[in-house]
PDB file of all heavy atoms in Angstrom:
ATOM      1  N   GLU A   1     -60.245   0.891 -76.073  1.00  0.00           N
ATOM      2  CA  GLU A   1     -58.778   0.856 -76.021  1.00  0.00           C
ATOM      3  C   GLU A   1     -58.299   0.606 -74.603  1.00  0.00           C
ATOM      4  O   GLU A   1     -57.334  -0.122 -74.378  1.00  0.00           O
ATOM      5  CB  GLU A   1     -58.238   2.190 -76.548  1.00  0.00           C
ATOM      6  CG  GLU A   1     -56.755   2.178 -76.811  1.00  0.00           C
ATOM      7  CD  GLU A   1     -56.308   3.466 -77.470  1.00  0.00           C
ATOM      8  OE1 GLU A   1     -56.900   3.869 -78.483  1.00  0.00           O
ATOM      9  OE2 GLU A   1     -55.370   4.057 -76.939  1.00  0.00           O
ATOM     10  N   GLU A   2     -59.004   1.160 -73.628  1.00  0.00           N
ATOM     11  CA  GLU A   2     -58.627   0.986 -72.222  1.00  0.00           C
ATOM     12  C   GLU A   2     -58.746  -0.482 -71.796  1.00  0.00           C
ATOM     13  O   GLU A   2     -57.888  -1.003 -71.088  1.00  0.00           O
ATOM     14  CB  GLU A   2     -59.508   1.856 -71.328  1.00  0.00           C
ATOM     15  CG  GLU A   2     -59.251   3.328 -71.456  1.00  0.00           C
ATOM     16  CD  GLU A   2     -60.210   4.156 -70.607  1.00  0.00           C
ATOM     17  OE1 GLU A   2     -60.953   3.567 -69.801  1.00  0.00           O
ATOM     18  OE2 GLU A   2     -60.197   5.372 -70.762  1.00  0.00           O
ATOM     19  N   SER A   3     -59.842  -1.139 -72.224  1.00  0.00           N
ATOM     20  CA  SER A   3     -60.021  -2.538 -71.831  1.00  0.00           C
ATOM     21  C   SER A   3     -58.979  -3.428 -72.484  1.00  0.00           C
ATOM     22  O   SER A   3     -58.490  -4.383 -71.881  1.00  0.00           O
ATOM     23  CB  SER A   3     -61.435  -3.018 -72.158  1.00  0.00           C
ATOM     24  OG  SER A   3     -61.669  -2.929 -73.541  1.00  0.00           O
ATOM     25  N   ILE A   4     -58.591  -3.121 -73.710  1.00  0.00           N
ATOM     26  CA  ILE A   4     -57.551  -3.895 -74.391  1.00  0.00           C
ATOM     27  C   ILE A   4     -56.218  -3.722 -73.662  1.00  0.00           C
ATOM     28  O   ILE A   4     -55.501  -4.691 -73.403  1.00  0.00           O
ATOM     29  CB  ILE A   4     -57.431  -3.478 -75.873  1.00  0.00           C
ATOM     30  CG1 ILE A   4     -58.701  -3.893 -76.631  1.00  0.00           C
ATOM     31  CG2 ILE A   4     -56.206  -4.105 -76.518  1.00  0.00           C
ATOM     32  CD1 ILE A   4     -58.752  -3.398 -78.056  1.00  0.00           C
ATOM     33  N   VAL A   5     -55.905  -2.484 -73.291  1.00  0.00           N
ATOM     34  CA  VAL A   5     -54.662  -2.206 -72.562  1.00  0.00           C
ATOM     35  C   VAL A   5     -54.685  -2.927 -71.216  1.00  0.00           C
ATOM     36  O   VAL A   5     -53.686  -3.520 -70.795  1.00  0.00           O
ATOM     37  CB  VAL A   5     -54.453  -0.682 -72.389  1.00  0.00           C
ATOM     38  CG1 VAL A   5     -53.319  -0.389 -71.414  1.00  0.00           C
ATOM     39  CG2 VAL A   5     -54.209  -0.028 -73.732  1.00  0.00           C
ATOM     40  N   THR A   6     -55.807  -2.919 -70.542  1.00  0.00           N
ATOM     41  CA  THR A   6     -55.935  -3.589 -69.241  1.00  0.00           C
ATOM     42  C   THR A   6     -55.707  -5.086 -69.385  1.00  0.00           C
ATOM     43  O   THR A   6     -54.994  -5.692 -68.573  1.00  0.00           O
ATOM     44  CB  THR A   6     -57.337  -3.320 -68.640  1.00  0.00           C
ATOM     45  OG1 THR A   6     -57.541  -1.917 -68.571  1.00  0.00           O
ATOM     46  CG2 THR A   6     -57.457  -3.940 -67.276  1.00  0.00           C
ATOM     47  N   ILE A   7     -56.279  -5.679 -70.413  1.00  0.00           N
ATOM     48  CA  ILE A   7     -56.117  -7.119 -70.635  1.00  0.00           C
ATOM     49  C   ILE A   7     -54.667  -7.450 -70.950  1.00  0.00           C
ATOM     50  O   ILE A   7     -54.096  -8.398 -70.408  1.00  0.00           O
ATOM     51  CB  ILE A   7     -57.056  -7.594 -71.754  1.00  0.00           C
ATOM     52  CG1 ILE A   7     -58.511  -7.509 -71.297  1.00  0.00           C
ATOM     53  CG2 ILE A   7     -56.712  -9.015 -72.187  1.00  0.00           C
ATOM     54  CD1 ILE A   7     -59.520  -7.772 -72.385  1.00  0.00           C
ATOM     55  N   VAL A   8     -54.042  -6.656 -71.797  1.00  0.00           N
ATOM     56  CA  VAL A   8     -52.639  -6.897 -72.159  1.00  0.00           C
ATOM     57  C   VAL A   8     -51.744  -6.772 -70.930  1.00  0.00           C
ATOM     58  O   VAL A   8     -50.860  -7.596 -70.693  1.00  0.00           O
ATOM     59  CB  VAL A   8     -52.189  -5.943 -73.291  1.00  0.00           C
ATOM     60  CG1 VAL A   8     -50.679  -5.994 -73.497  1.00  0.00           C
ATOM     61  CG2 VAL A   8     -52.919  -6.256 -74.576  1.00  0.00           C
ATOM     62  N   ILE A   9     -51.973  -5.748 -70.114  1.00  0.00           N
ATOM     63  CA  ILE A   9     -51.172  -5.567 -68.899  1.00  0.00           C
ATOM     64  C   ILE A   9     -51.386  -6.731 -67.942  1.00  0.00           C
ATOM     65  O   ILE A   9     -50.442  -7.234 -67.328  1.00  0.00           O
ATOM     66  CB  ILE A   9     -51.491  -4.212 -68.222  1.00  0.00           C
ATOM     67  CG1 ILE A   9     -50.964  -3.072 -69.090  1.00  0.00           C
ATOM     68  CG2 ILE A   9     -50.908  -4.141 -66.827  1.00  0.00           C
ATOM     69  CD1 ILE A   9     -51.321  -1.694 -68.609  1.00  0.00           C
ATOM     70  N   ALA A  10     -52.630  -7.201 -67.828  1.00  0.00           N
ATOM     71  CA  ALA A  10     -52.917  -8.325 -66.939  1.00  0.00           C
ATOM     72  C   ALA A  10     -52.205  -9.590 -67.423  1.00  0.00           C
ATOM     73  O   ALA A  10     -51.643 -10.347 -66.625  1.00  0.00           O
ATOM     74  CB  ALA A  10     -54.421  -8.559 -66.864  1.00  0.00           C
ATOM     75  N   LEU A  11     -52.226  -9.815 -68.725  1.00  0.00           N
ATOM     76  CA  LEU A  11     -51.539 -11.000 -69.269  1.00  0.00           C
ATOM     77  C   LEU A  11     -50.037 -10.912 -69.060  1.00  0.00           C
ATOM     78  O   LEU A  11     -49.391 -11.884 -68.654  1.00  0.00           O
ATOM     79  CB  LEU A  11     -51.857 -11.162 -70.760  1.00  0.00           C
ATOM     80  CG  LEU A  11     -53.286 -11.596 -71.101  1.00  0.00           C
ATOM     81  CD1 LEU A  11     -53.505 -11.559 -72.606  1.00  0.00           C
ATOM     82  CD2 LEU A  11     -53.562 -12.983 -70.557  1.00  0.00           C
ATOM     83  N   ILE A  12     -49.474  -9.767 -69.343  1.00  0.00           N
ATOM     84  CA  ILE A  12     -48.029  -9.588 -69.156  1.00  0.00           C
ATOM     85  C   ILE A  12     -47.676  -9.717 -67.679  1.00  0.00           C
ATOM     86  O   ILE A  12     -46.714 -10.381 -67.306  1.00  0.00           O
ATOM     87  CB  ILE A  12     -47.558  -8.227 -69.721  1.00  0.00           C
ATOM     88  CG1 ILE A  12     -47.681  -8.230 -71.245  1.00  0.00           C
ATOM     89  CG2 ILE A  12     -46.126  -7.920 -69.302  1.00  0.00           C
ATOM     90  CD1 ILE A  12     -47.434  -6.881 -71.896  1.00  0.00           C
ATOM     91  N   GLY A  13     -48.482  -9.105 -66.831  1.00  0.00           N
ATOM     92  CA  GLY A  13     -48.239  -9.161 -65.380  1.00  0.00           C
ATOM     93  C   GLY A  13     -48.341 -10.579 -64.844  1.00  0.00           C
ATOM     94  O   GLY A  13     -47.560 -10.985 -63.990  1.00  0.00           O
ATOM     95  N   SER A  14     -49.299 -11.354 -65.364  1.00  0.00           N
ATOM     96  CA  SER A  14     -49.463 -12.723 -64.865  1.00  0.00           C
ATOM     97  C   SER A  14     -48.305 -13.601 -65.279  1.00  0.00           C
ATOM     98  O   SER A  14     -48.013 -14.591 -64.629  1.00  0.00           O
ATOM     99  CB  SER A  14     -50.786 -13.310 -65.358  1.00  0.00           C
ATOM    100  OG  SER A  14     -50.731 -13.495 -66.761  1.00  0.00           O
ATOM    101  N   ALA A  15     -47.598 -13.238 -66.347  1.00  0.00           N
ATOM    102  CA  ALA A  15     -46.447 -14.026 -66.786  1.00  0.00           C
ATOM    103  C   ALA A  15     -45.153 -13.505 -66.181  1.00  0.00           C
ATOM    104  O   ALA A  15     -44.265 -14.278 -65.849  1.00  0.00           O
ATOM    105  CB  ALA A  15     -46.357 -14.002 -68.310  1.00  0.00           C
ATOM    106  N   ILE A  16     -45.047 -12.213 -66.013  1.00  0.00           N
ATOM    107  CA  ILE A  16     -43.776 -11.623 -65.565  1.00  0.00           C
ATOM    108  C   ILE A  16     -43.634 -11.647 -64.049  1.00  0.00           C
ATOM    109  O   ILE A  16     -42.574 -11.987 -63.530  1.00  0.00           O
ATOM    110  CB  ILE A  16     -43.647 -10.175 -66.094  1.00  0.00           C
ATOM    111  CG1 ILE A  16     -43.497 -10.208 -67.615  1.00  0.00           C
ATOM    112  CG2 ILE A  16     -42.476  -9.467 -65.458  1.00  0.00           C
ATOM    113  CD1 ILE A  16     -43.470  -8.843 -68.255  1.00  0.00           C
ATOM    114  N   ILE A  17     -44.683 -11.292 -63.336  1.00  0.00           N
ATOM    115  CA  ILE A  17     -44.591 -11.162 -61.882  1.00  0.00           C
ATOM    116  C   ILE A  17     -44.148 -12.472 -61.217  1.00  0.00           C
ATOM    117  O   ILE A  17     -43.226 -12.463 -60.409  1.00  0.00           O
ATOM    118  CB  ILE A  17     -45.916 -10.629 -61.287  1.00  0.00           C
ATOM    119  CG1 ILE A  17     -46.098  -9.180 -61.721  1.00  0.00           C
ATOM    120  CG2 ILE A  17     -45.915 -10.734 -59.774  1.00  0.00           C
ATOM    121  CD1 ILE A  17     -47.402  -8.554 -61.327  1.00  0.00           C
ATOM    122  N   PRO A  18     -44.767 -13.643 -61.549  1.00  0.00           N
ATOM    123  CA  PRO A  18     -44.283 -14.873 -60.907  1.00  0.00           C
ATOM    124  C   PRO A  18     -42.819 -15.178 -61.229  1.00  0.00           C
ATOM    125  O   PRO A  18     -42.070 -15.633 -60.366  1.00  0.00           O
ATOM    126  CB  PRO A  18     -45.199 -15.952 -61.469  1.00  0.00           C
ATOM    127  CG  PRO A  18     -46.437 -15.241 -61.867  1.00  0.00           C
ATOM    128  CD  PRO A  18     -45.974 -13.891 -62.309  1.00  0.00           C
ATOM    129  N   SER A  19     -42.402 -14.895 -62.462  1.00  0.00           N
ATOM    130  CA  SER A  19     -40.996 -15.164 -62.806  1.00  0.00           C
ATOM    131  C   SER A  19     -40.059 -14.226 -62.048  1.00  0.00           C
ATOM    132  O   SER A  19     -38.960 -14.625 -61.649  1.00  0.00           O
ATOM    133  CB  SER A  19     -40.777 -15.076 -64.304  1.00  0.00           C
ATOM    134  OG  SER A  19     -40.944 -13.757 -64.753  1.00  0.00           O
ATOM    135  N   LEU A  20     -40.471 -12.973 -61.849  1.00  0.00           N
ATOM    136  CA  LEU A  20     -39.648 -12.045 -61.070  1.00  0.00           C
ATOM    137  C   LEU A  20     -39.562 -12.474 -59.611  1.00  0.00           C
ATOM    138  O   LEU A  20     -38.497 -12.424 -59.002  1.00  0.00           O
ATOM    139  CB  LEU A  20     -40.205 -10.615 -61.161  1.00  0.00           C
ATOM    140  CG  LEU A  20     -40.049  -9.908 -62.507  1.00  0.00           C
ATOM    141  CD1 LEU A  20     -40.767  -8.559 -62.473  1.00  0.00           C
ATOM    142  CD2 LEU A  20     -38.588  -9.729 -62.850  1.00  0.00           C
ATOM    143  N   ILE A  21     -40.693 -12.910 -59.070  1.00  0.00           N
ATOM    144  CA  ILE A  21     -40.703 -13.364 -57.670  1.00  0.00           C
ATOM    145  C   ILE A  21     -39.786 -14.574 -57.522  1.00  0.00           C
ATOM    146  O   ILE A  21     -38.980 -14.644 -56.590  1.00  0.00           O
ATOM    147  CB  ILE A  21     -42.142 -13.691 -57.216  1.00  0.00           C
ATOM    148  CG1 ILE A  21     -42.954 -12.407 -57.106  1.00  0.00           C
ATOM    149  CG2 ILE A  21     -42.131 -14.427 -55.884  1.00  0.00           C
ATOM    150  CD1 ILE A  21     -44.428 -12.617 -56.850  1.00  0.00           C
ATOM    151  N   ASN A  22     -39.894 -15.505 -58.449  1.00  0.00           N
ATOM    152  CA  ASN A  22     -39.046 -16.701 -58.381  1.00  0.00           C
ATOM    153  C   ASN A  22     -37.569 -16.341 -58.576  1.00  0.00           C
ATOM    154  O   ASN A  22     -36.693 -16.995 -58.016  1.00  0.00           O
ATOM    155  CB  ASN A  22     -39.478 -17.727 -59.420  1.00  0.00           C
ATOM    156  CG  ASN A  22     -40.757 -18.418 -59.036  1.00  0.00           C
ATOM    157  OD1 ASN A  22     -41.109 -18.468 -57.863  1.00  0.00           O
ATOM    158  ND2 ASN A  22     -41.460 -18.952 -60.014  1.00  0.00           N
ATOM    159  N   ARG A  23     -37.304 -15.336 -59.370  1.00  0.00           N
ATOM    160  CA  ARG A  23     -35.917 -14.939 -59.623  1.00  0.00           C
ATOM    161  C   ARG A  23     -35.273 -14.369 -58.366  1.00  0.00           C
ATOM    162  O   ARG A  23     -34.088 -14.569 -58.119  1.00  0.00           O
ATOM    163  CB  ARG A  23     -35.883 -13.920 -60.754  1.00  0.00           C
ATOM    164  CG  ARG A  23     -34.469 -13.636 -61.235  1.00  0.00           C
ATOM    165  CD  ARG A  23     -34.472 -12.820 -62.474  1.00  0.00           C
ATOM    166  NE  ARG A  23     -34.917 -13.666 -63.586  1.00  0.00           N
ATOM    167  CZ  ARG A  23     -35.274 -13.215 -64.767  1.00  0.00           C
ATOM    168  NH1 ARG A  23     -35.249 -11.928 -65.012  1.00  0.00           N
ATOM    169  NH2 ARG A  23     -35.653 -14.012 -65.718  1.00  0.00           N
ATOM    170  N   PHE A  24     -36.080 -13.659 -57.561  1.00  0.00           N
ATOM    171  CA  PHE A  24     -35.520 -13.020 -56.372  1.00  0.00           C
ATOM    172  C   PHE A  24     -35.671 -13.867 -55.110  1.00  0.00           C
ATOM    173  O   PHE A  24     -35.135 -13.503 -54.075  1.00  0.00           O
ATOM    174  CB  PHE A  24     -36.150 -11.634 -56.165  1.00  0.00           C
ATOM    175  CG  PHE A  24     -35.777 -10.679 -57.248  1.00  0.00           C
ATOM    176  CD1 PHE A  24     -36.715 -10.249 -58.172  1.00  0.00           C
ATOM    177  CD2 PHE A  24     -34.471 -10.237 -57.363  1.00  0.00           C
ATOM    178  CE1 PHE A  24     -36.354  -9.362 -59.178  1.00  0.00           C
ATOM    179  CE2 PHE A  24     -34.110  -9.347 -58.370  1.00  0.00           C
ATOM    180  CZ  PHE A  24     -35.059  -8.912 -59.293  1.00  0.00           C
TER     181      PHE A  24
END
């Protein structure tokens, strides 16, 4: 369960973080 959560967080982070950086 931990590895699945880690993968999901990494995928979400890789999509959200660049968009947040570009937004600001």
